[in-house]
Amino acid sequence: MALKNAALTYLLTLAIFFAVDMVWLGLVAKGFYRRQLGDLLSPTVTWPAAILFYLLFIAGLQFFVVAPALRNGGAVQALWQGAFFGLIAYATYDLTNLATLKGWPLAVTLVDLAWGTVLGGTVSFLATLIGRRLFRG
């Protein structure tokens, strides 16, 4: 994949990820995390850490899922591989918290594992589908 196409695909994947995750965090699950985590939840977001997570997660999706799917696979391949990548990434955080933090809710871990799976798969699928159309020819 040419550097220009890789950069465009990265930005496309980042935009899709951000849009989907903001709907989840801002609308769907906002009350869930507040109820489950209570005082553990910070009243403000530490934006440098959040931004770094987004940039690294998208780099992982790009490197391990989207770029290979654009070269040799397709959107369905990206869906399954992205789902697995999302599961692994979210499991790293949530299972570590469950293992080491007193009072970390099992419900948060289960919901986050499901969300990471859905998010990784959806973003990878859409980025590959759109990327194939953008870079055709």
Protein backbone atom coordinates (compact mmCIF):
# COMPACT_ATOMS: atom_id res chain seq x y z
CA MET A 1 0.00 0.00 0.00
CA ALA A 2 1.42 3.36 -1.01
CA LEU A 3 2.22 5.76 1.81
CA LYS A 4 -0.46 8.21 0.66
CA ASN A 5 -3.12 5.47 0.62
CA ALA A 6 -1.96 4.18 4.00
CA ALA A 7 -2.26 7.67 5.50
CA LEU A 8 -5.70 8.18 3.95
CA THR A 9 -6.85 4.77 5.19
CA TYR A 10 -5.56 5.57 8.67
CA LEU A 11 -7.50 8.85 8.73
CA LEU A 12 -10.61 7.14 7.36
CA THR A 13 -10.37 4.41 10.00
CA LEU A 14 -9.81 6.99 12.74
CA ALA A 15 -12.87 9.00 11.65
CA ILE A 16 -15.08 5.90 11.57
CA PHE A 17 -13.78 4.72 14.94
CA PHE A 18 -14.28 8.10 16.55
CA ALA A 19 -17.84 8.46 15.21
CA VAL A 20 -18.91 4.98 16.30
CA ASP A 21 -17.22 5.14 19.71
CA MET A 22 -18.63 8.58 20.49
CA VAL A 23 -22.16 7.31 19.87
CA TRP A 24 -21.43 4.45 22.27
CA LEU A 25 -19.77 6.52 24.98
CA GLY A 26 -21.88 9.65 24.63
CA LEU A 27 -25.33 8.15 24.13
CA VAL A 28 -25.71 4.41 24.53
CA ALA A 29 -23.49 3.53 27.48
CA LYS A 30 -22.96 6.85 29.25
CA GLY A 31 -25.25 6.06 32.17
CA PHE A 32 -24.02 2.47 32.37
CA TYR A 33 -20.43 3.43 33.13
CA ARG A 34 -21.51 6.10 35.62
CA ARG A 35 -23.70 3.57 37.48
CA GLN A 36 -21.14 0.77 37.41
CA LEU A 37 -17.96 2.71 38.17
CA GLY A 38 -19.28 5.49 40.40
CA ASP A 39 -16.37 7.18 42.18
CA LEU A 40 -13.81 5.26 40.09
CA LEU A 41 -14.90 7.30 37.06
CA SER A 42 -13.02 10.55 36.67
CA PRO A 43 -15.18 13.68 36.41
CA THR A 44 -13.01 14.82 33.48
CA VAL A 45 -11.37 12.99 30.60
CA THR A 46 -7.57 12.95 30.52
CA TRP A 47 -7.43 13.82 26.82
CA PRO A 48 -3.76 13.02 26.11
CA ALA A 49 -4.29 9.44 27.32
CA ALA A 50 -7.58 9.09 25.43
CA ILE A 51 -6.08 10.46 22.22
CA LEU A 52 -3.05 8.18 22.53
CA PHE A 53 -5.35 5.17 22.93
CA TYR A 54 -7.29 6.15 19.80
CA LEU A 55 -4.12 6.68 17.76
CA LEU A 56 -2.55 3.39 18.87
CA PHE A 57 -5.72 1.33 18.52
CA ILE A 58 -6.26 2.64 15.00
CA ALA A 59 -2.60 1.98 14.15
CA GLY A 60 -3.12 -1.61 15.29
CA LEU A 61 -6.29 -2.00 13.24
CA GLN A 62 -4.54 -0.44 10.25
CA PHE A 63 -1.43 -2.61 10.49
CA PHE A 64 -2.96 -5.96 11.49
CA VAL A 65 -6.41 -5.83 9.88
CA VAL A 66 -7.33 -3.11 7.39
CA ALA A 67 -4.16 -2.94 5.27
CA PRO A 68 -3.94 -6.75 4.87
CA ALA A 69 -7.67 -6.91 4.05
CA LEU A 70 -7.27 -4.20 1.41
CA ARG A 71 -4.32 -6.10 -0.14
CA ASN A 72 -5.47 -9.69 -0.01
CA GLY A 73 -8.87 -10.07 1.51
CA GLY A 74 -11.98 -8.08 1.77
CA ALA A 75 -14.46 -6.51 4.10
CA VAL A 76 -15.69 -9.81 5.58
CA GLN A 77 -12.11 -10.81 6.45
CA ALA A 78 -11.64 -7.38 8.06
CA LEU A 79 -14.86 -7.80 10.04
CA TRP A 80 -13.72 -11.02 11.73
CA GLN A 81 -10.10 -10.05 12.20
CA GLY A 82 -11.07 -6.59 13.47
CA ALA A 83 -13.54 -8.14 15.89
CA PHE A 84 -10.82 -10.40 17.26
CA PHE A 85 -8.34 -7.52 17.49
CA GLY A 86 -10.94 -5.43 19.36
CA LEU A 87 -11.66 -8.29 21.75
CA ILE A 88 -7.96 -8.74 22.54
CA ALA A 89 -7.34 -5.01 23.02
CA TYR A 90 -10.33 -4.47 25.28
CA ALA A 91 -9.64 -7.72 27.17
CA THR A 92 -6.14 -6.49 27.97
CA TYR A 93 -7.56 -3.48 29.80
CA ASP A 94 -10.66 -4.98 31.35
CA LEU A 95 -9.32 -8.35 32.44
CA THR A 96 -6.28 -6.66 33.99
CA ASN A 97 -8.60 -4.32 35.89
CA LEU A 98 -10.79 -7.23 36.96
CA ALA A 99 -7.70 -9.10 38.19
CA THR A 100 -6.04 -6.21 40.02
CA LEU A 101 -8.54 -3.55 41.08
CA LYS A 102 -10.68 -4.00 44.15
CA GLY A 103 -14.33 -3.54 43.24
CA TRP A 104 -13.92 -3.55 39.45
CA PRO A 105 -17.37 -4.65 38.18
CA LEU A 106 -17.62 -7.87 36.19
CA ALA A 107 -20.50 -6.25 34.26
CA VAL A 108 -18.15 -3.55 32.93
CA THR A 109 -15.67 -6.19 31.79
CA LEU A 110 -18.34 -8.20 29.98
CA VAL A 111 -19.88 -5.15 28.30
CA ASP A 112 -16.46 -3.79 27.29
CA LEU A 113 -15.38 -7.13 25.82
CA ALA A 114 -18.55 -7.22 23.74
CA TRP A 115 -18.13 -3.57 22.75
CA GLY A 116 -14.47 -3.93 21.80
CA THR A 117 -15.40 -6.89 19.60
CA VAL A 118 -18.26 -5.05 17.89
CA LEU A 119 -16.27 -1.83 17.55
CA GLY A 120 -13.15 -3.45 16.11
CA GLY A 121 -15.17 -5.50 13.64
CA THR A 122 -17.45 -2.68 12.54
CA VAL A 123 -14.67 -0.14 12.08
CA SER A 124 -12.47 -2.59 10.19
CA PHE A 125 -15.35 -3.70 7.96
CA LEU A 126 -16.36 -0.13 7.07
CA ALA A 127 -12.79 1.10 6.58
CA THR A 128 -12.03 -1.81 4.25
CA LEU A 129 -15.29 -1.45 2.34
CA ILE A 130 -14.82 2.30 1.85
CA GLY A 131 -11.07 1.94 1.27
CA ARG A 132 -11.63 -0.57 -1.55
CA ARG A 133 -13.93 1.91 -3.27
CA LEU A 134 -11.57 4.85 -2.77
CA PHE A 135 -8.46 3.08 -4.00
CA ARG A 136 -9.98 1.14 -6.89
CA GLY A 137 -7.97 1.38 -10.06
